[in-house]
Amino acid sequence: MNKLVINLPKKIPVFPLSNFIIFPKTTVPLNIFEPRYIEMIDDAMKGNRIIGMIQPKNFNQKIPILYSIGCAGKITSFNETEDGRYLIVLVGISRFKITEELKTQKLYRLCEVDFKDFPYDLEEKNEEIKFSDLELIFKNLKTLFIKQGYVINWKELEKQSLNQTINTLAMASPFSLEEKQILLETNSLHERKQKLEQILSTYSFDNFNNKTIQ
């Protein structure tokens, strides 16, 4: 087993957030305002600063059922606003699988997790993908983002590594909760790229005005 995996915590607080995923080595800002997550961040800041981001399967329930796969991140920046909100920056570390949800008196949810299925998340080496392989994905996603009113700084995106680019596109894309979960659970970057292409192919026709994305 990867030595870095062994050093990761076996229990982490989890933050269920619908239609939101993070990947290892990606950076996301979060605005924390609910009391249960304020408590979660307070506790994390006293310890290893690690929290798990995970999607709920259904928010209609009082205690939503969670997907089994999420991604742990480390809080690298913390600021408190005058009105009591926390503005944090989270950097993805590794994906995890929930093995058990623990009973606790805390307002937030705490889970026992296992990182062993994702040893490559901790490696520094990037997978080899040619930028030319991303050109069609870029073209179709850019059109989709524009049609759905999403704003992306494409110039900045192109400065990232290909790993970061694919993961950022997967995170920011206007896909469904289920589609994003599929992307999160892919084993490799190549598989994630293929899944991105497959999902994009289902958006070939604009559901709003039946025009083919050009």
C-alpha atoms as a PDB file:
ATOM      1  CA  MET A   1       0.000   0.000   0.000  1.00  0.00           C
ATOM      2  CA  ASN A   2       1.153   3.552  -0.755  1.00  0.00           C
ATOM      3  CA  LYS A   3       2.843   4.995   2.370  1.00  0.00           C
ATOM      4  CA  LEU A   4       1.016   8.300   1.846  1.00  0.00           C
ATOM      5  CA  VAL A   5      -2.315   6.443   1.947  1.00  0.00           C
ATOM      6  CA  ILE A   6      -1.371   4.959   5.321  1.00  0.00           C
ATOM      7  CA  ASN A   7      -0.809   8.465   6.718  1.00  0.00           C
ATOM      8  CA  LEU A   8      -4.286   9.712   5.761  1.00  0.00           C
ATOM      9  CA  PRO A   9      -6.929   9.781   8.533  1.00  0.00           C
ATOM     10  CA  LYS A  10      -9.309   6.846   8.880  1.00  0.00           C
ATOM     11  CA  LYS A  11     -12.128   9.100  10.108  1.00  0.00           C
ATOM     12  CA  ILE A  12     -13.096  12.396   8.489  1.00  0.00           C
ATOM     13  CA  PRO A  13     -16.015  14.847   8.678  1.00  0.00           C
ATOM     14  CA  VAL A  14     -17.988  14.858   5.439  1.00  0.00           C
ATOM     15  CA  PHE A  15     -19.650  17.810   3.723  1.00  0.00           C
ATOM     16  CA  PRO A  16     -22.550  16.621   1.510  1.00  0.00           C
ATOM     17  CA  LEU A  17     -22.958  19.054  -1.366  1.00  0.00           C
ATOM     18  CA  SER A  18     -25.205  18.299  -4.322  1.00  0.00           C
ATOM     19  CA  ASN A  19     -23.816  18.667  -7.851  1.00  0.00           C
ATOM     20  CA  PHE A  20     -20.379  19.502  -6.487  1.00  0.00           C
ATOM     21  CA  ILE A  21     -17.221  17.398  -6.730  1.00  0.00           C
ATOM     22  CA  ILE A  22     -13.517  18.026  -6.262  1.00  0.00           C
ATOM     23  CA  PHE A  23     -10.513  16.088  -7.504  1.00  0.00           C
ATOM     24  CA  PRO A  24      -7.022  15.630  -6.082  1.00  0.00           C
ATOM     25  CA  LYS A  25      -4.712  18.608  -6.714  1.00  0.00           C
ATOM     26  CA  THR A  26      -7.623  20.911  -7.603  1.00  0.00           C
ATOM     27  CA  THR A  27      -8.398  24.026  -5.566  1.00  0.00           C
ATOM     28  CA  VAL A  28     -11.873  25.285  -4.699  1.00  0.00           C
ATOM     29  CA  PRO A  29     -13.162  28.214  -2.591  1.00  0.00           C
ATOM     30  CA  LEU A  30     -16.082  27.526  -0.247  1.00  0.00           C
ATOM     31  CA  ASN A  31     -18.438  29.879   1.586  1.00  0.00           C
ATOM     32  CA  ILE A  32     -19.473  28.231   4.870  1.00  0.00           C
ATOM     33  CA  PHE A  33     -22.485  29.598   6.740  1.00  0.00           C
ATOM     34  CA  GLU A  34     -24.645  26.755   8.126  1.00  0.00           C
ATOM     35  CA  PRO A  35     -24.048  26.156  11.872  1.00  0.00           C
ATOM     36  CA  ARG A  36     -23.290  22.435  11.394  1.00  0.00           C
ATOM     37  CA  TYR A  37     -20.578  23.162   8.854  1.00  0.00           C
ATOM     38  CA  ILE A  38     -19.222  26.071  10.890  1.00  0.00           C
ATOM     39  CA  GLU A  39     -18.775  23.500  13.675  1.00  0.00           C
ATOM     40  CA  MET A  40     -17.178  21.077  11.207  1.00  0.00           C
ATOM     41  CA  ILE A  41     -14.633  23.663  10.037  1.00  0.00           C
ATOM     42  CA  ASP A  42     -13.893  24.707  13.638  1.00  0.00           C
ATOM     43  CA  ASP A  43     -13.074  21.090  14.518  1.00  0.00           C
ATOM     44  CA  ALA A  44     -11.057  20.527  11.333  1.00  0.00           C
ATOM     45  CA  MET A  45      -8.962  23.639  11.961  1.00  0.00           C
ATOM     46  CA  LYS A  46      -8.041  22.274  15.406  1.00  0.00           C
ATOM     47  CA  GLY A  47      -6.773  19.062  13.829  1.00  0.00           C
ATOM     48  CA  ASN A  48      -5.461  17.992  10.425  1.00  0.00           C
ATOM     49  CA  ARG A  49      -7.642  20.453   8.447  1.00  0.00           C
ATOM     50  CA  ILE A  50      -9.001  17.600   6.315  1.00  0.00           C
ATOM     51  CA  ILE A  51     -12.664  17.297   5.348  1.00  0.00           C
ATOM     52  CA  GLY A  52     -14.418  15.083   2.824  1.00  0.00           C
ATOM     53  CA  MET A  53     -16.567  16.450   0.018  1.00  0.00           C
ATOM     54  CA  ILE A  54     -19.281  14.028  -1.104  1.00  0.00           C
ATOM     55  CA  GLN A  55     -22.536  14.133  -3.034  1.00  0.00           C
ATOM     56  CA  PRO A  56     -25.895  13.151  -1.523  1.00  0.00           C
ATOM     57  CA  LYS A  57     -28.020  10.835  -3.647  1.00  0.00           C
ATOM     58  CA  ASN A  58     -31.230  12.604  -2.656  1.00  0.00           C
ATOM     59  CA  PHE A  59     -31.728  15.828  -0.711  1.00  0.00           C
ATOM     60  CA  ASN A  60     -35.450  15.190  -0.191  1.00  0.00           C
ATOM     61  CA  GLN A  61     -34.693  13.103   2.882  1.00  0.00           C
ATOM     62  CA  LYS A  62     -33.986  14.577   6.327  1.00  0.00           C
ATOM     63  CA  ILE A  63     -30.688  12.682   6.402  1.00  0.00           C
ATOM     64  CA  PRO A  64     -29.724  12.185   2.732  1.00  0.00           C
ATOM     65  CA  ILE A  65     -28.159   8.916   1.627  1.00  0.00           C
ATOM     66  CA  LEU A  66     -24.606   9.603   0.471  1.00  0.00           C
ATOM     67  CA  TYR A  67     -22.715   8.225  -2.475  1.00  0.00           C
ATOM     68  CA  SER A  68     -19.954   5.917  -1.271  1.00  0.00           C
ATOM     69  CA  ILE A  69     -17.146   7.757  -3.132  1.00  0.00           C
ATOM     70  CA  GLY A  70     -16.005  11.296  -2.349  1.00  0.00           C
ATOM     71  CA  CYS A  71     -12.771  13.288  -2.238  1.00  0.00           C
ATOM     72  CA  ALA A  72     -10.891  14.528   0.810  1.00  0.00           C
ATOM     73  CA  GLY A  73      -9.406  17.999   0.805  1.00  0.00           C
ATOM     74  CA  LYS A  74      -7.202  20.073   3.086  1.00  0.00           C
ATOM     75  CA  ILE A  75      -8.112  23.591   4.179  1.00  0.00           C
ATOM     76  CA  THR A  76      -5.226  25.788   3.041  1.00  0.00           C
ATOM     77  CA  SER A  77      -6.812  29.194   3.634  1.00  0.00           C
ATOM     78  CA  PHE A  78      -9.286  30.361   6.255  1.00  0.00           C
ATOM     79  CA  ASN A  79     -10.980  33.725   6.777  1.00  0.00           C
ATOM     80  CA  GLU A  80     -13.962  34.749   8.884  1.00  0.00           C
ATOM     81  CA  THR A  81     -16.291  37.491   7.689  1.00  0.00           C
ATOM     82  CA  GLU A  82     -17.902  40.137   9.884  1.00  0.00           C
ATOM     83  CA  ASP A  83     -21.246  38.324   9.650  1.00  0.00           C
ATOM     84  CA  GLY A  84     -19.766  35.047  10.901  1.00  0.00           C
ATOM     85  CA  ARG A  85     -19.298  33.167   7.624  1.00  0.00           C
ATOM     86  CA  TYR A  86     -16.131  31.213   6.896  1.00  0.00           C
ATOM     87  CA  LEU A  87     -14.374  31.662   3.565  1.00  0.00           C
ATOM     88  CA  ILE A  88     -12.049  28.735   3.020  1.00  0.00           C
ATOM     89  CA  VAL A  89      -9.910  27.321   0.237  1.00  0.00           C
ATOM     90  CA  LEU A  90      -9.839  23.551  -0.094  1.00  0.00           C
ATOM     91  CA  VAL A  91      -7.163  21.609  -1.988  1.00  0.00           C
ATOM     92  CA  GLY A  92      -8.069  18.072  -3.065  1.00  0.00           C
ATOM     93  CA  ILE A  93      -5.882  15.277  -1.664  1.00  0.00           C
ATOM     94  CA  SER A  94      -7.369  11.889  -2.522  1.00  0.00           C
ATOM     95  CA  ARG A  95     -10.656  10.206  -3.237  1.00  0.00           C
ATOM     96  CA  PHE A  96     -12.035   7.882  -0.596  1.00  0.00           C
ATOM     97  CA  LYS A  97     -14.699   5.260  -0.046  1.00  0.00           C
ATOM     98  CA  ILE A  98     -17.014   5.411   2.964  1.00  0.00           C
ATOM     99  CA  THR A  99     -16.872   2.172   4.931  1.00  0.00           C
ATOM    100  CA  GLU A 100     -19.127   3.266   7.778  1.00  0.00           C
ATOM    101  CA  GLU A 101     -20.962   6.350   9.008  1.00  0.00           C
ATOM    102  CA  LEU A 102     -20.254   6.936  12.679  1.00  0.00           C
ATOM    103  CA  LYS A 103     -22.725   7.946  15.366  1.00  0.00           C
ATOM    104  CA  THR A 104     -21.733  11.224  16.946  1.00  0.00           C
ATOM    105  CA  GLN A 105     -23.124  14.129  18.960  1.00  0.00           C
ATOM    106  CA  LYS A 106     -21.754  16.565  16.389  1.00  0.00           C
ATOM    107  CA  LEU A 107     -24.070  18.562  14.118  1.00  0.00           C
ATOM    108  CA  TYR A 108     -22.180  17.346  11.057  1.00  0.00           C
ATOM    109  CA  ARG A 109     -21.640  13.814   9.743  1.00  0.00           C
ATOM    110  CA  LEU A 110     -18.501  11.804  10.496  1.00  0.00           C
ATOM    111  CA  CYS A 111     -17.430   8.773   8.481  1.00  0.00           C
ATOM    112  CA  GLU A 112     -14.866   6.031   8.579  1.00  0.00           C
ATOM    113  CA  VAL A 113     -13.191   6.024   5.175  1.00  0.00           C
ATOM    114  CA  ASP A 114     -10.720   4.026   3.109  1.00  0.00           C
ATOM    115  CA  PHE A 115      -8.295   5.541   0.586  1.00  0.00           C
ATOM    116  CA  LYS A 116      -6.689   2.320  -0.657  1.00  0.00           C
ATOM    117  CA  ASP A 117      -8.656   2.139  -3.933  1.00  0.00           C
ATOM    118  CA  PHE A 118      -7.132   5.435  -5.108  1.00  0.00           C
ATOM    119  CA  PRO A 119      -3.334   5.201  -4.582  1.00  0.00           C
ATOM    120  CA  TYR A 120      -2.578   7.120  -7.791  1.00  0.00           C
ATOM    121  CA  ASP A 121      -4.364  10.222  -6.474  1.00  0.00           C
ATOM    122  CA  LEU A 122      -1.340  10.922  -4.278  1.00  0.00           C
ATOM    123  CA  GLU A 123       1.325  10.500  -6.954  1.00  0.00           C
ATOM    124  CA  GLU A 124       3.039  13.563  -8.381  1.00  0.00           C
ATOM    125  CA  LYS A 125       3.482  12.111 -11.879  1.00  0.00           C
ATOM    126  CA  ASN A 126       0.908  13.282 -14.414  1.00  0.00           C
ATOM    127  CA  GLU A 127      -0.677  10.938 -16.934  1.00  0.00           C
ATOM    128  CA  GLU A 128       0.289  11.508 -20.539  1.00  0.00           C
ATOM    129  CA  ILE A 129      -2.494  13.068 -22.602  1.00  0.00           C
ATOM    130  CA  LYS A 130      -1.960  15.261 -25.641  1.00  0.00           C
ATOM    131  CA  PHE A 131      -3.591  18.673 -25.633  1.00  0.00           C
ATOM    132  CA  SER A 132      -4.871  17.923 -29.132  1.00  0.00           C
ATOM    133  CA  ASP A 133      -6.943  15.139 -27.557  1.00  0.00           C
ATOM    134  CA  LEU A 134      -8.779  17.801 -25.555  1.00  0.00           C
ATOM    135  CA  GLU A 135      -9.552  20.188 -28.396  1.00  0.00           C
ATOM    136  CA  LEU A 136     -12.955  18.677 -29.262  1.00  0.00           C
ATOM    137  CA  ILE A 137     -13.903  18.475 -25.577  1.00  0.00           C
ATOM    138  CA  PHE A 138     -12.923  22.127 -25.175  1.00  0.00           C
ATOM    139  CA  LYS A 139     -14.941  23.156 -28.206  1.00  0.00           C
ATOM    140  CA  ASN A 140     -18.114  21.306 -27.197  1.00  0.00           C
ATOM    141  CA  LEU A 141     -17.876  22.238 -23.525  1.00  0.00           C
ATOM    142  CA  LYS A 142     -17.296  25.901 -24.333  1.00  0.00           C
ATOM    143  CA  THR A 143     -20.464  25.904 -26.438  1.00  0.00           C
ATOM    144  CA  LEU A 144     -22.416  24.107 -23.714  1.00  0.00           C
ATOM    145  CA  PHE A 145     -21.170  26.511 -21.018  1.00  0.00           C
ATOM    146  CA  ILE A 146     -22.187  29.527 -23.099  1.00  0.00           C
ATOM    147  CA  LYS A 147     -25.656  28.108 -23.828  1.00  0.00           C
ATOM    148  CA  GLN A 148     -26.271  27.420 -20.132  1.00  0.00           C
ATOM    149  CA  GLY A 149     -24.877  30.735 -18.916  1.00  0.00           C
ATOM    150  CA  TYR A 150     -21.721  29.393 -17.247  1.00  0.00           C
ATOM    151  CA  VAL A 151     -18.648  31.636 -17.189  1.00  0.00           C
ATOM    152  CA  ILE A 152     -15.178  30.085 -17.373  1.00  0.00           C
ATOM    153  CA  ASN A 153     -11.799  31.803 -17.732  1.00  0.00           C
ATOM    154  CA  TRP A 154     -10.620  29.615 -20.622  1.00  0.00           C
ATOM    155  CA  LYS A 155      -7.274  31.430 -20.967  1.00  0.00           C
ATOM    156  CA  GLU A 156      -6.367  30.579 -17.374  1.00  0.00           C
ATOM    157  CA  LEU A 157      -7.638  27.035 -17.811  1.00  0.00           C
ATOM    158  CA  GLU A 158      -5.312  26.464 -20.755  1.00  0.00           C
ATOM    159  CA  LYS A 159      -2.310  27.377 -18.553  1.00  0.00           C
ATOM    160  CA  GLN A 160      -2.973  24.416 -16.246  1.00  0.00           C
ATOM    161  CA  SER A 161      -1.554  20.927 -16.625  1.00  0.00           C
ATOM    162  CA  LEU A 162      -3.723  18.546 -18.655  1.00  0.00           C
ATOM    163  CA  ASN A 163      -4.599  16.658 -15.473  1.00  0.00           C
ATOM    164  CA  GLN A 164      -5.804  19.859 -13.825  1.00  0.00           C
ATOM    165  CA  THR A 165      -7.613  20.937 -16.990  1.00  0.00           C
ATOM    166  CA  ILE A 166      -9.642  17.737 -17.308  1.00  0.00           C
ATOM    167  CA  ASN A 167     -10.448  17.671 -13.599  1.00  0.00           C
ATOM    168  CA  THR A 168     -11.411  21.361 -13.533  1.00  0.00           C
ATOM    169  CA  LEU A 169     -13.702  20.876 -16.538  1.00  0.00           C
ATOM    170  CA  ALA A 170     -15.292  17.835 -14.885  1.00  0.00           C
ATOM    171  CA  MET A 171     -15.883  19.834 -11.691  1.00  0.00           C
ATOM    172  CA  ALA A 172     -17.180  23.011 -13.320  1.00  0.00           C
ATOM    173  CA  SER A 173     -19.259  21.430 -16.079  1.00  0.00           C
ATOM    174  CA  PRO A 174     -23.051  21.928 -16.122  1.00  0.00           C
ATOM    175  CA  PHE A 175     -23.659  18.183 -15.854  1.00  0.00           C
ATOM    176  CA  SER A 176     -26.117  16.354 -13.628  1.00  0.00           C
ATOM    177  CA  LEU A 177     -25.315  15.090 -10.140  1.00  0.00           C
ATOM    178  CA  GLU A 178     -25.170  11.523 -11.478  1.00  0.00           C
ATOM    179  CA  GLU A 179     -22.898  12.462 -14.382  1.00  0.00           C
ATOM    180  CA  LYS A 180     -20.469  14.242 -12.081  1.00  0.00           C
ATOM    181  CA  GLN A 181     -20.391  11.220  -9.794  1.00  0.00           C
ATOM    182  CA  ILE A 182     -19.496   9.012 -12.771  1.00  0.00           C
ATOM    183  CA  LEU A 183     -16.569  11.326 -13.540  1.00  0.00           C
ATOM    184  CA  LEU A 184     -15.447  11.310  -9.907  1.00  0.00           C
ATOM    185  CA  GLU A 185     -15.392   7.516  -9.735  1.00  0.00           C
ATOM    186  CA  THR A 186     -13.285   6.961 -12.872  1.00  0.00           C
ATOM    187  CA  ASN A 187     -10.001   5.170 -12.192  1.00  0.00           C
ATOM    188  CA  SER A 188      -7.692   7.116 -14.480  1.00  0.00           C
ATOM    189  CA  LEU A 189      -7.426  10.424 -16.294  1.00  0.00           C
ATOM    190  CA  HIS A 190      -7.779   8.652 -19.649  1.00  0.00           C
ATOM    191  CA  GLU A 191     -11.019   7.054 -18.487  1.00  0.00           C
ATOM    192  CA  ARG A 192     -12.245  10.435 -17.188  1.00  0.00           C
ATOM    193  CA  LYS A 193     -11.510  11.999 -20.568  1.00  0.00           C
ATOM    194  CA  GLN A 194     -13.488   9.211 -22.300  1.00  0.00           C
ATOM    195  CA  LYS A 195     -16.412   9.635 -19.893  1.00  0.00           C
ATOM    196  CA  LEU A 196     -16.375  13.392 -20.515  1.00  0.00           C
ATOM    197  CA  GLU A 197     -16.649  12.724 -24.241  1.00  0.00           C
ATOM    198  CA  GLN A 198     -19.478  10.211 -23.714  1.00  0.00           C
ATOM    199  CA  ILE A 199     -21.445  12.593 -21.495  1.00  0.00           C
ATOM    200  CA  LEU A 200     -20.917  15.456 -23.929  1.00  0.00           C
ATOM    201  CA  SER A 201     -22.275  13.291 -26.754  1.00  0.00           C
ATOM    202  CA  THR A 202     -25.610  13.149 -24.889  1.00  0.00           C
ATOM    203  CA  TYR A 203     -25.695  16.960 -25.036  1.00  0.00           C
ATOM    204  CA  SER A 204     -25.335  16.995 -28.811  1.00  0.00           C
ATOM    205  CA  PHE A 205     -28.857  18.319 -29.042  1.00  0.00           C
ATOM    206  CA  ASP A 206     -29.814  21.352 -27.007  1.00  0.00           C
ATOM    207  CA  ASN A 207     -32.882  20.354 -24.988  1.00  0.00           C
ATOM    208  CA  PHE A 208     -34.115  23.911 -24.967  1.00  0.00           C
ATOM    209  CA  ASN A 209     -34.224  24.740 -28.642  1.00  0.00           C
ATOM    210  CA  ASN A 210     -33.239  21.496 -30.436  1.00  0.00           C
ATOM    211  CA  LYS A 211     -30.191  22.988 -32.092  1.00  0.00           C
ATOM    212  CA  THR A 212     -27.122  20.855 -32.566  1.00  0.00           C
ATOM    213  CA  ILE A 213     -24.111  22.143 -30.669  1.00  0.00           C
ATOM    214  CA  GLN A 214     -21.578  23.345 -33.217  1.00  0.00           C
END
